[in-house]
Amino acid sequence: YINGQKAGNNVLDPAQTDYDKRVFYNMHDVSDLIIN
């Protein structure tokens, strides 16, 4: 969440993996959620 708004419309992120070997991260463009 940025300033009270959820970033993106994904659910149940990230995808499941064997965390001992790899962990997924996601990238979000939140330019429109940042304020002065």
Full PDB file with SEQRES, HELIX, SHEET, SSBOND, CRYST1, ORIGX, SCALE, CONECT and MASTER records, all heavy atoms in Angstrom:
SEQRES   1 A   36  TYR ILE ASN GLY GLN LYS ALA GLY ASN ASN VAL LEU ASP          
SEQRES   2 A   36  PRO ALA GLN THR ASP TYR ASP LYS ARG VAL PHE TYR ASN          
SEQRES   3 A   36  MET HIS ASP VAL SER ASP LEU ILE ILE ASN                      
HELIX    1 AA1 SER A   31  LEU A   33  5                                   3    
CRYST1    1.000    1.000    1.000  90.00  90.00  90.00 P 1           1          
ORIGX1      1.000000  0.000000  0.000000        0.00000                         
ORIGX2      0.000000  1.000000  0.000000        0.00000                         
ORIGX3      0.000000  0.000000  1.000000        0.00000                         
SCALE1      1.000000  0.000000  0.000000        0.00000                         
SCALE2      0.000000  1.000000  0.000000        0.00000                         
SCALE3      0.000000  0.000000  1.000000        0.00000                         
ATOM      1  N   TYR A   1       0.835  -1.193   0.000  1.00  0.00           N  
ATOM      2  CA  TYR A   1       0.000   0.000   0.000  1.00  0.00           C  
ATOM      3  C   TYR A   1       0.875   1.250   0.000  1.00  0.00           C  
ATOM      4  O   TYR A   1       1.883   1.315   0.719  1.00  0.00           O  
ATOM      5  CB  TYR A   1      -0.911   0.025   1.230  1.00  0.00           C  
ATOM      6  CG  TYR A   1      -1.939  -1.074   1.247  1.00  0.00           C  
ATOM      7  CD1 TYR A   1      -1.639  -2.330   1.757  1.00  0.00           C  
ATOM      8  CD2 TYR A   1      -3.222  -0.860   0.748  1.00  0.00           C  
ATOM      9  CE1 TYR A   1      -2.577  -3.347   1.771  1.00  0.00           C  
ATOM     10  CE2 TYR A   1      -4.173  -1.876   0.755  1.00  0.00           C  
ATOM     11  CZ  TYR A   1      -3.844  -3.116   1.267  1.00  0.00           C  
ATOM     12  OH  TYR A   1      -4.779  -4.121   1.265  1.00  0.00           O  
ATOM     13  N   ILE A   2       0.501   2.214  -0.829  1.00  0.00           N  
ATOM     14  CA  ILE A   2       1.162   3.514  -0.851  1.00  0.00           C  
ATOM     15  C   ILE A   2       0.099   4.568  -0.571  1.00  0.00           C  
ATOM     16  O   ILE A   2      -0.872   4.693  -1.325  1.00  0.00           O  
ATOM     17  CB  ILE A   2       1.842   3.804  -2.207  1.00  0.00           C  
ATOM     18  CG1 ILE A   2       2.802   2.667  -2.603  1.00  0.00           C  
ATOM     19  CG2 ILE A   2       2.568   5.150  -2.160  1.00  0.00           C  
ATOM     20  CD1 ILE A   2       4.028   2.562  -1.741  1.00  0.00           C  
ATOM     21  N   ASN A   3       0.267   5.300   0.513  1.00  0.00           N  
ATOM     22  CA  ASN A   3      -0.691   6.352   0.883  1.00  0.00           C  
ATOM     23  C   ASN A   3      -2.132   5.832   0.908  1.00  0.00           C  
ATOM     24  O   ASN A   3      -3.059   6.490   0.435  1.00  0.00           O  
ATOM     25  CB  ASN A   3      -0.567   7.552  -0.058  1.00  0.00           C  
ATOM     26  CG  ASN A   3       0.787   8.230   0.054  1.00  0.00           C  
ATOM     27  OD1 ASN A   3       1.345   8.349   1.148  1.00  0.00           O  
ATOM     28  ND2 ASN A   3       1.340   8.666  -1.076  1.00  0.00           N  
ATOM     29  N   GLY A   4      -2.288   4.633   1.439  1.00  0.00           N  
ATOM     30  CA  GLY A   4      -3.610   4.066   1.613  1.00  0.00           C  
ATOM     31  C   GLY A   4      -4.171   3.332   0.422  1.00  0.00           C  
ATOM     32  O   GLY A   4      -5.260   2.752   0.507  1.00  0.00           O  
ATOM     33  N   GLN A   5      -3.464   3.323  -0.706  1.00  0.00           N  
ATOM     34  CA  GLN A   5      -3.959   2.662  -1.904  1.00  0.00           C  
ATOM     35  C   GLN A   5      -3.118   1.412  -2.212  1.00  0.00           C  
ATOM     36  O   GLN A   5      -1.887   1.465  -2.172  1.00  0.00           O  
ATOM     37  CB  GLN A   5      -3.899   3.609  -3.108  1.00  0.00           C  
ATOM     38  CG  GLN A   5      -4.767   4.852  -2.951  1.00  0.00           C  
ATOM     39  CD  GLN A   5      -4.793   5.682  -4.216  1.00  0.00           C  
ATOM     40  OE1 GLN A   5      -5.172   5.208  -5.281  1.00  0.00           O  
ATOM     41  NE2 GLN A   5      -4.388   6.944  -4.105  1.00  0.00           N  
ATOM     42  N   LYS A   6      -3.806   0.337  -2.549  1.00  0.00           N  
ATOM     43  CA  LYS A   6      -3.109  -0.899  -2.896  1.00  0.00           C  
ATOM     44  C   LYS A   6      -2.408  -0.749  -4.235  1.00  0.00           C  
ATOM     45  O   LYS A   6      -2.972  -0.227  -5.207  1.00  0.00           O  
ATOM     46  CB  LYS A   6      -4.089  -2.066  -2.953  1.00  0.00           C  
ATOM     47  CG  LYS A   6      -3.462  -3.424  -3.228  1.00  0.00           C  
ATOM     48  CD  LYS A   6      -4.512  -4.529  -3.133  1.00  0.00           C  
ATOM     49  CE  LYS A   6      -3.912  -5.903  -3.380  1.00  0.00           C  
ATOM     50  NZ  LYS A   6      -3.559  -6.143  -4.779  1.00  0.00           N  
ATOM     51  N   ALA A   7      -1.164  -1.195  -4.297  1.00  0.00           N  
ATOM     52  CA  ALA A   7      -0.388  -1.140  -5.535  1.00  0.00           C  
ATOM     53  C   ALA A   7      -0.680  -2.368  -6.376  1.00  0.00           C  
ATOM     54  O   ALA A   7      -0.500  -3.495  -5.930  1.00  0.00           O  
ATOM     55  CB  ALA A   7       1.105  -1.055  -5.218  1.00  0.00           C  
ATOM     56  N   GLY A   8      -1.147  -2.146  -7.612  1.00  0.00           N  
ATOM     57  CA  GLY A   8      -1.408  -3.251  -8.527  1.00  0.00           C  
ATOM     58  C   GLY A   8      -2.692  -3.983  -8.200  1.00  0.00           C  
ATOM     59  O   GLY A   8      -3.364  -3.717  -7.196  1.00  0.00           O  
ATOM     60  N   ASN A   9      -3.038  -4.939  -9.074  1.00  0.00           N  
ATOM     61  CA  ASN A   9      -4.254  -5.733  -8.885  1.00  0.00           C  
ATOM     62  C   ASN A   9      -3.949  -7.224  -8.790  1.00  0.00           C  
ATOM     63  O   ASN A   9      -4.814  -8.060  -9.025  1.00  0.00           O  
ATOM     64  CB  ASN A   9      -5.254  -5.463 -10.016  1.00  0.00           C  
ATOM     65  CG  ASN A   9      -4.676  -5.777 -11.392  1.00  0.00           C  
ATOM     66  OD1 ASN A   9      -3.532  -6.199 -11.525  1.00  0.00           O  
ATOM     67  ND2 ASN A   9      -5.469  -5.567 -12.424  1.00  0.00           N  
ATOM     68  N   ASN A  10      -2.700  -7.559  -8.452  1.00  0.00           N  
ATOM     69  CA  ASN A  10      -2.353  -8.956  -8.233  1.00  0.00           C  
ATOM     70  C   ASN A  10      -2.906  -9.414  -6.891  1.00  0.00           C  
ATOM     71  O   ASN A  10      -3.072  -8.614  -5.962  1.00  0.00           O  
ATOM     72  CB  ASN A  10      -0.842  -9.162  -8.227  1.00  0.00           C  
ATOM     73  CG  ASN A  10      -0.178  -8.698  -9.502  1.00  0.00           C  
ATOM     74  OD1 ASN A  10      -0.839  -8.324 -10.465  1.00  0.00           O  
ATOM     75  ND2 ASN A  10       1.143  -8.705  -9.509  1.00  0.00           N  
ATOM     76  N   VAL A  11      -3.147 -10.709  -6.757  1.00  0.00           N  
ATOM     77  CA  VAL A  11      -3.491 -11.293  -5.470  1.00  0.00           C  
ATOM     78  C   VAL A  11      -2.596 -12.502  -5.236  1.00  0.00           C  
ATOM     79  O   VAL A  11      -2.032 -13.074  -6.167  1.00  0.00           O  
ATOM     80  CB  VAL A  11      -4.979 -11.709  -5.394  1.00  0.00           C  
ATOM     81  CG1 VAL A  11      -5.878 -10.490  -5.559  1.00  0.00           C  
ATOM     82  CG2 VAL A  11      -5.327 -12.761  -6.431  1.00  0.00           C  
ATOM     83  N   LEU A  12      -2.443 -12.856  -3.967  1.00  0.00           N  
ATOM     84  CA  LEU A  12      -1.647 -14.027  -3.581  1.00  0.00           C  
ATOM     85  C   LEU A  12      -0.248 -13.968  -4.176  1.00  0.00           C  
ATOM     86  O   LEU A  12       0.268 -14.953  -4.709  1.00  0.00           O  
ATOM     87  CB  LEU A  12      -2.372 -15.327  -3.977  1.00  0.00           C  
ATOM     88  CG  LEU A  12      -3.722 -15.551  -3.308  1.00  0.00           C  
ATOM     89  CD1 LEU A  12      -4.408 -16.788  -3.882  1.00  0.00           C  
ATOM     90  CD2 LEU A  12      -3.588 -15.683  -1.798  1.00  0.00           C  
ATOM     91  N   ASP A  13       0.373 -12.809  -4.079  1.00  0.00           N  
ATOM     92  CA  ASP A  13       1.772 -12.636  -4.473  1.00  0.00           C  
ATOM     93  C   ASP A  13       2.674 -12.863  -3.264  1.00  0.00           C  
ATOM     94  O   ASP A  13       2.300 -12.530  -2.143  1.00  0.00           O  
ATOM     95  CB  ASP A  13       1.992 -11.201  -4.984  1.00  0.00           C  
ATOM     96  CG  ASP A  13       1.899 -11.064  -6.485  1.00  0.00           C  
ATOM     97  OD1 ASP A  13       1.938 -12.090  -7.188  1.00  0.00           O  
ATOM     98  OD2 ASP A  13       1.785  -9.930  -6.964  1.00  0.00           O  
ATOM     99  N   PRO A  14       3.902 -13.399  -3.472  1.00  0.00           N  
ATOM    100  CA  PRO A  14       4.432 -13.900  -4.735  1.00  0.00           C  
ATOM    101  C   PRO A  14       4.058 -15.359  -4.956  1.00  0.00           C  
ATOM    102  O   PRO A  14       3.494 -15.999  -4.072  1.00  0.00           O  
ATOM    103  CB  PRO A  14       5.939 -13.762  -4.522  1.00  0.00           C  
ATOM    104  CG  PRO A  14       6.115 -14.024  -3.051  1.00  0.00           C  
ATOM    105  CD  PRO A  14       4.899 -13.423  -2.387  1.00  0.00           C  
ATOM    106  N   ALA A  15       4.384 -15.876  -6.144  1.00  0.00           N  
ATOM    107  CA  ALA A  15       4.126 -17.287  -6.433  1.00  0.00           C  
ATOM    108  C   ALA A  15       4.974 -18.167  -5.515  1.00  0.00           C  
ATOM    109  O   ALA A  15       6.070 -17.789  -5.098  1.00  0.00           O  
ATOM    110  CB  ALA A  15       4.458 -17.584  -7.895  1.00  0.00           C  
ATOM    111  N   GLN A  16       4.440 -19.346  -5.207  1.00  0.00           N  
ATOM    112  CA  GLN A  16       5.127 -20.249  -4.283  1.00  0.00           C  
ATOM    113  C   GLN A  16       6.337 -20.889  -4.947  1.00  0.00           C  
ATOM    114  O   GLN A  16       6.293 -21.286  -6.105  1.00  0.00           O  
ATOM    115  CB  GLN A  16       4.166 -21.331  -3.798  1.00  0.00           C  
ATOM    116  CG  GLN A  16       3.015 -20.797  -2.965  1.00  0.00           C  
ATOM    117  CD  GLN A  16       2.073 -21.900  -2.531  1.00  0.00           C  
ATOM    118  OE1 GLN A  16       2.468 -23.064  -2.404  1.00  0.00           O  
ATOM    119  NE2 GLN A  16       0.815 -21.558  -2.300  1.00  0.00           N  
ATOM    120  N   THR A  17       7.403 -20.973  -4.191  1.00  0.00           N  
ATOM    121  CA  THR A  17       8.629 -21.625  -4.635  1.00  0.00           C  
ATOM    122  C   THR A  17       9.214 -22.391  -3.452  1.00  0.00           C  
ATOM    123  O   THR A  17       8.690 -22.336  -2.342  1.00  0.00           O  
ATOM    124  CB  THR A  17       9.668 -20.589  -5.113  1.00  0.00           C  
ATOM    125  OG1 THR A  17       9.876 -19.617  -4.077  1.00  0.00           O  
ATOM    126  CG2 THR A  17       9.206 -19.880  -6.375  1.00  0.00           C  
ATOM    127  N   ASP A  18      10.321 -23.081  -3.681  1.00  0.00           N  
ATOM    128  CA  ASP A  18      11.106 -23.624  -2.585  1.00  0.00           C  
ATOM    129  C   ASP A  18      12.002 -22.491  -2.106  1.00  0.00           C  
ATOM    130  O   ASP A  18      12.994 -22.157  -2.747  1.00  0.00           O  
ATOM    131  CB  ASP A  18      11.938 -24.814  -3.072  1.00  0.00           C  
ATOM    132  CG  ASP A  18      12.732 -25.467  -1.950  1.00  0.00           C  
ATOM    133  OD1 ASP A  18      12.890 -24.834  -0.881  1.00  0.00           O  
ATOM    134  OD2 ASP A  18      13.215 -26.596  -2.129  1.00  0.00           O  
ATOM    135  N   TYR A  19      11.647 -21.871  -0.969  1.00  0.00           N  
ATOM    136  CA  TYR A  19      12.323 -20.654  -0.526  1.00  0.00           C  
ATOM    137  C   TYR A  19      13.794 -20.876  -0.172  1.00  0.00           C  
ATOM    138  O   TYR A  19      14.557 -19.918  -0.074  1.00  0.00           O  
ATOM    139  CB  TYR A  19      11.582 -20.054   0.673  1.00  0.00           C  
ATOM    140  CG  TYR A  19      10.128 -19.740   0.377  1.00  0.00           C  
ATOM    141  CD1 TYR A  19       9.136 -19.992   1.322  1.00  0.00           C  
ATOM    142  CD2 TYR A  19       9.745 -19.215  -0.844  1.00  0.00           C  
ATOM    143  CE1 TYR A  19       7.803 -19.720   1.053  1.00  0.00           C  
ATOM    144  CE2 TYR A  19       8.413 -18.938  -1.124  1.00  0.00           C  
ATOM    145  CZ  TYR A  19       7.452 -19.193  -0.168  1.00  0.00           C  
ATOM    146  OH  TYR A  19       6.132 -18.928  -0.444  1.00  0.00           O  
ATOM    147  N   ASP A  20      14.192 -22.122   0.012  1.00  0.00           N  
ATOM    148  CA  ASP A  20      15.610 -22.402   0.236  1.00  0.00           C  
ATOM    149  C   ASP A  20      16.432 -22.179  -1.031  1.00  0.00           C  
ATOM    150  O   ASP A  20      17.644 -21.972  -0.961  1.00  0.00           O  
ATOM    151  CB  ASP A  20      15.804 -23.844   0.703  1.00  0.00           C  
ATOM    152  CG  ASP A  20      15.232 -24.085   2.098  1.00  0.00           C  
ATOM    153  OD1 ASP A  20      15.176 -23.116   2.873  1.00  0.00           O  
ATOM    154  OD2 ASP A  20      14.839 -25.228   2.387  1.00  0.00           O  
ATOM    155  N   LYS A  21      15.759 -22.243  -2.184  1.00  0.00           N  
ATOM    156  CA  LYS A  21      16.472 -22.133  -3.456  1.00  0.00           C  
ATOM    157  C   LYS A  21      16.228 -20.804  -4.158  1.00  0.00           C  
ATOM    158  O   LYS A  21      17.136 -20.190  -4.697  1.00  0.00           O  
ATOM    159  CB  LYS A  21      16.066 -23.280  -4.378  1.00  0.00           C  
ATOM    160  CG  LYS A  21      16.407 -24.656  -3.834  1.00  0.00           C  
ATOM    161  CD  LYS A  21      15.941 -25.759  -4.777  1.00  0.00           C  
ATOM    162  CE  LYS A  21      16.290 -27.129  -4.216  1.00  0.00           C  
ATOM    163  NZ  LYS A  21      15.817 -28.236  -5.102  1.00  0.00           N  
ATOM    164  N   ARG A  22      14.972 -20.370  -4.192  1.00  0.00           N  
ATOM    165  CA  ARG A  22      14.654 -19.111  -4.862  1.00  0.00           C  
ATOM    166  C   ARG A  22      13.416 -18.489  -4.249  1.00  0.00           C  
ATOM    167  O   ARG A  22      12.528 -19.185  -3.765  1.00  0.00           O  
ATOM    168  CB  ARG A  22      14.447 -19.314  -6.360  1.00  0.00           C  
ATOM    169  CG  ARG A  22      13.230 -20.127  -6.749  1.00  0.00           C  
ATOM    170  CD  ARG A  22      13.094 -20.196  -8.255  1.00  0.00           C  
ATOM    171  NE  ARG A  22      14.240 -20.842  -8.867  1.00  0.00           N  
ATOM    172  CZ  ARG A  22      14.639 -20.639 -10.123  1.00  0.00           C  
ATOM    173  NH1 ARG A  22      13.973 -19.800 -10.886  1.00  0.00           N  
ATOM    174  NH2 ARG A  22      15.686 -21.267 -10.614  1.00  0.00           N  
ATOM    175  N   VAL A  23      13.387 -17.159  -4.276  1.00  0.00           N  
ATOM    176  CA  VAL A  23      12.261 -16.381  -3.766  1.00  0.00           C  
ATOM    177  C   VAL A  23      11.892 -15.372  -4.844  1.00  0.00           C  
ATOM    178  O   VAL A  23      12.749 -14.636  -5.342  1.00  0.00           O  
ATOM    179  CB  VAL A  23      12.624 -15.649  -2.460  1.00  0.00           C  
ATOM    180  CG1 VAL A  23      11.465 -14.764  -2.010  1.00  0.00           C  
ATOM    181  CG2 VAL A  23      13.015 -16.637  -1.373  1.00  0.00           C  
ATOM    182  N   PHE A  24      10.631 -15.333  -5.214  1.00  0.00           N  
ATOM    183  CA  PHE A  24      10.191 -14.384  -6.230  1.00  0.00           C  
ATOM    184  C   PHE A  24       9.911 -13.021  -5.607  1.00  0.00           C  
ATOM    185  O   PHE A  24       9.355 -12.920  -4.510  1.00  0.00           O  
ATOM    186  CB  PHE A  24       8.916 -14.874  -6.921  1.00  0.00           C  
ATOM    187  CG  PHE A  24       9.149 -15.982  -7.914  1.00  0.00           C  
ATOM    188  CD1 PHE A  24       8.198 -16.965  -8.103  1.00  0.00           C  
ATOM    189  CD2 PHE A  24      10.310 -16.031  -8.667  1.00  0.00           C  
ATOM    190  CE1 PHE A  24       8.391 -17.978  -9.022  1.00  0.00           C  
ATOM    191  CE2 PHE A  24      10.523 -17.041  -9.595  1.00  0.00           C  
ATOM    192  CZ  PHE A  24       9.568 -18.024  -9.769  1.00  0.00           C  
ATOM    193  N   TYR A  25      10.307 -11.978  -6.341  1.00  0.00           N  
ATOM    194  CA  TYR A  25       9.885 -10.626  -5.989  1.00  0.00           C  
ATOM    195  C   TYR A  25       9.112 -10.036  -7.156  1.00  0.00           C  
ATOM    196  O   TYR A  25       9.209 -10.505  -8.291  1.00  0.00           O  
ATOM    197  CB  TYR A  25      11.088  -9.735  -5.629  1.00  0.00           C  
ATOM    198  CG  TYR A  25      11.984  -9.339  -6.785  1.00  0.00           C  
ATOM    199  CD1 TYR A  25      11.726  -8.189  -7.540  1.00  0.00           C  
ATOM    200  CD2 TYR A  25      13.109 -10.084  -7.116  1.00  0.00           C  
ATOM    201  CE1 TYR A  25      12.555  -7.810  -8.582  1.00  0.00           C  
ATOM    202  CE2 TYR A  25      13.941  -9.718  -8.160  1.00  0.00           C  
ATOM    203  CZ  TYR A  25      13.664  -8.581  -8.888  1.00  0.00           C  
ATOM    204  OH  TYR A  25      14.484  -8.204  -9.935  1.00  0.00           O  
ATOM    205  N   ASN A  26       8.306  -9.031  -6.862  1.00  0.00           N  
ATOM    206  CA  ASN A  26       7.506  -8.340  -7.872  1.00  0.00           C  
ATOM    207  C   ASN A  26       7.956  -6.903  -7.988  1.00  0.00           C  
ATOM    208  O   ASN A  26       8.484  -6.322  -7.045  1.00  0.00           O  
ATOM    209  CB  ASN A  26       6.016  -8.371  -7.512  1.00  0.00           C  
ATOM    210  CG  ASN A  26       5.501  -9.765  -7.237  1.00  0.00           C  
ATOM    211  OD1 ASN A  26       5.340 -10.160  -6.092  1.00  0.00           O  
ATOM    212  ND2 ASN A  26       5.265 -10.528  -8.287  1.00  0.00           N  
ATOM    213  N   MET A  27       7.735  -6.333  -9.151  1.00  0.00           N  
ATOM    214  CA  MET A  27       8.063  -4.935  -9.400  1.00  0.00           C  
ATOM    215  C   MET A  27       6.779  -4.177  -9.682  1.00  0.00           C  
ATOM    216  O   MET A  27       5.940  -4.608 -10.465  1.00  0.00           O  
ATOM    217  CB  MET A  27       9.025  -4.823 -10.587  1.00  0.00           C  
ATOM    218  CG  MET A  27       9.478  -3.412 -10.878  1.00  0.00           C  
ATOM    219  SD  MET A  27      10.713  -3.389 -12.213  1.00  0.00           S  
ATOM    220  CE  MET A  27      10.965  -1.621 -12.390  1.00  0.00           C  
ATOM    221  N   HIS A  28       6.604  -3.034  -9.014  1.00  0.00           N  
ATOM    222  CA  HIS A  28       5.423  -2.197  -9.185  1.00  0.00           C  
ATOM    223  C   HIS A  28       5.851  -0.771  -9.544  1.00  0.00           C  
ATOM    224  O   HIS A  28       6.754  -0.221  -8.905  1.00  0.00           O  
ATOM    225  CB  HIS A  28       4.587  -2.148  -7.909  1.00  0.00           C  
ATOM    226  CG  HIS A  28       4.027  -3.460  -7.475  1.00  0.00           C  
ATOM    227  ND1 HIS A  28       2.841  -3.967  -7.971  1.00  0.00           N  
ATOM    228  CD2 HIS A  28       4.493  -4.384  -6.592  1.00  0.00           C  
ATOM    229  CE1 HIS A  28       2.598  -5.136  -7.404  1.00  0.00           C  
ATOM    230  NE2 HIS A  28       3.584  -5.412  -6.571  1.00  0.00           N  
ATOM    231  N   ASP A  29       5.202  -0.219 -10.550  1.00  0.00           N  
ATOM    232  CA  ASP A  29       5.371   1.199 -10.856  1.00  0.00           C  
ATOM    233  C   ASP A  29       4.357   1.960 -10.008  1.00  0.00           C  
ATOM    234  O   ASP A  29       3.153   1.870 -10.234  1.00  0.00           O  
ATOM    235  CB  ASP A  29       5.141   1.459 -12.343  1.00  0.00           C  
ATOM    236  CG  ASP A  29       5.491   2.888 -12.758  1.00  0.00           C  
ATOM    237  OD1 ASP A  29       5.387   3.794 -11.905  1.00  0.00           O  
ATOM    238  OD2 ASP A  29       5.868   3.101 -13.914  1.00  0.00           O  
ATOM    239  N   VAL A  30       4.835   2.712  -9.026  1.00  0.00           N  
ATOM    240  CA  VAL A  30       3.940   3.422  -8.096  1.00  0.00           C  
ATOM    241  C   VAL A  30       4.054   4.935  -8.275  1.00  0.00           C  
ATOM    242  O   VAL A  30       3.717   5.697  -7.363  1.00  0.00           O  
ATOM    243  CB  VAL A  30       4.250   3.025  -6.636  1.00  0.00           C  
ATOM    244  CG1 VAL A  30       3.974   1.547  -6.416  1.00  0.00           C  
ATOM    245  CG2 VAL A  30       5.690   3.363  -6.260  1.00  0.00           C  
ATOM    246  N   SER A  31       4.500   5.364  -9.454  1.00  0.00           N  
ATOM    247  CA  SER A  31       4.701   6.795  -9.704  1.00  0.00           C  
ATOM    248  C   SER A  31       3.432   7.595  -9.438  1.00  0.00           C  
ATOM    249  O   SER A  31       3.490   8.707  -8.879  1.00  0.00           O  
ATOM    250  CB  SER A  31       5.155   7.014 -11.152  1.00  0.00           C  
ATOM    251  OG  SER A  31       6.312   6.260 -11.446  1.00  0.00           O  
ATOM    252  N   ASP A  32       2.279   7.042  -9.819  1.00  0.00           N  
ATOM    253  CA  ASP A  32       1.014   7.778  -9.660  1.00  0.00           C  
ATOM    254  C   ASP A  32       0.531   7.810  -8.216  1.00  0.00           C  
ATOM    255  O   ASP A  32      -0.403   8.563  -7.900  1.00  0.00           O  
ATOM    256  CB  ASP A  32      -0.070   7.152 -10.544  1.00  0.00           C  
ATOM    257  CG  ASP A  32       0.218   7.321 -12.031  1.00  0.00           C  
ATOM    258  OD1 ASP A  32       1.008   8.219 -12.375  1.00  0.00           O  
ATOM    259  OD2 ASP A  32      -0.333   6.557 -12.833  1.00  0.00           O  
ATOM    260  N   LEU A  33       1.143   7.005  -7.338  1.00  0.00           N  
ATOM    261  CA  LEU A  33       0.697   6.957  -5.948  1.00  0.00           C  
ATOM    262  C   LEU A  33       1.527   7.849  -5.033  1.00  0.00           C  
ATOM    263  O   LEU A  33       1.128   8.118  -3.896  1.00  0.00           O  
ATOM    264  CB  LEU A  33       0.741   5.512  -5.429  1.00  0.00           C  
ATOM    265  CG  LEU A  33      -0.092   4.487  -6.202  1.00  0.00           C  
ATOM    266  CD1 LEU A  33       0.023   3.112  -5.554  1.00  0.00           C  
ATOM    267  CD2 LEU A  33      -1.553   4.912  -6.274  1.00  0.00           C  
ATOM    268  N   ILE A  34       2.680   8.300  -5.509  1.00  0.00           N  
ATOM    269  CA  ILE A  34       3.555   9.165  -4.715  1.00  0.00           C  
ATOM    270  C   ILE A  34       3.081  10.614  -4.829  1.00  0.00           C  
ATOM    271  O   ILE A  34       2.757  11.092  -5.912  1.00  0.00           O  
ATOM    272  CB  ILE A  34       5.016   9.049  -5.182  1.00  0.00           C  
ATOM    273  CG1 ILE A  34       5.494   7.595  -5.104  1.00  0.00           C  
ATOM    274  CG2 ILE A  34       5.924   9.953  -4.354  1.00  0.00           C  
ATOM    275  CD1 ILE A  34       5.497   7.028  -3.717  1.00  0.00           C  
ATOM    276  N   ILE A  35       3.043  11.312  -3.696  1.00  0.00           N  
ATOM    277  CA  ILE A  35       2.619  12.703  -3.691  1.00  0.00           C  
ATOM    278  C   ILE A  35       3.762  13.600  -3.218  1.00  0.00           C  
ATOM    279  O   ILE A  35       4.728  13.132  -2.611  1.00  0.00           O  
ATOM    280  CB  ILE A  35       1.380  12.913  -2.790  1.00  0.00           C  
ATOM    281  CG1 ILE A  35       1.692  12.523  -1.337  1.00  0.00           C  
ATOM    282  CG2 ILE A  35       0.191  12.118  -3.307  1.00  0.00           C  
ATOM    283  CD1 ILE A  35       0.554  12.779  -0.373  1.00  0.00           C  
ATOM    284  N   ASN A  36       3.647  14.873  -3.511  1.00  0.00           N  
ATOM    285  CA  ASN A  36       4.635  15.844  -3.056  1.00  0.00           C  
ATOM    286  C   ASN A  36       4.516  16.024  -1.549  1.00  0.00           C  
ATOM    287  O   ASN A  36       3.450  16.343  -1.031  1.00  0.00           O  
ATOM    288  CB  ASN A  36       4.407  17.181  -3.773  1.00  0.00           C  
ATOM    289  CG  ASN A  36       5.334  18.262  -3.257  1.00  0.00           C  
ATOM    290  OD1 ASN A  36       6.450  17.976  -2.818  1.00  0.00           O  
ATOM    291  ND2 ASN A  36       4.874  19.506  -3.274  1.00  0.00           N  
TER     292      ASN A  36                                                      
MASTER        0    0    0    1    0    0    0    6  291    1    0    3          
END                                                                             
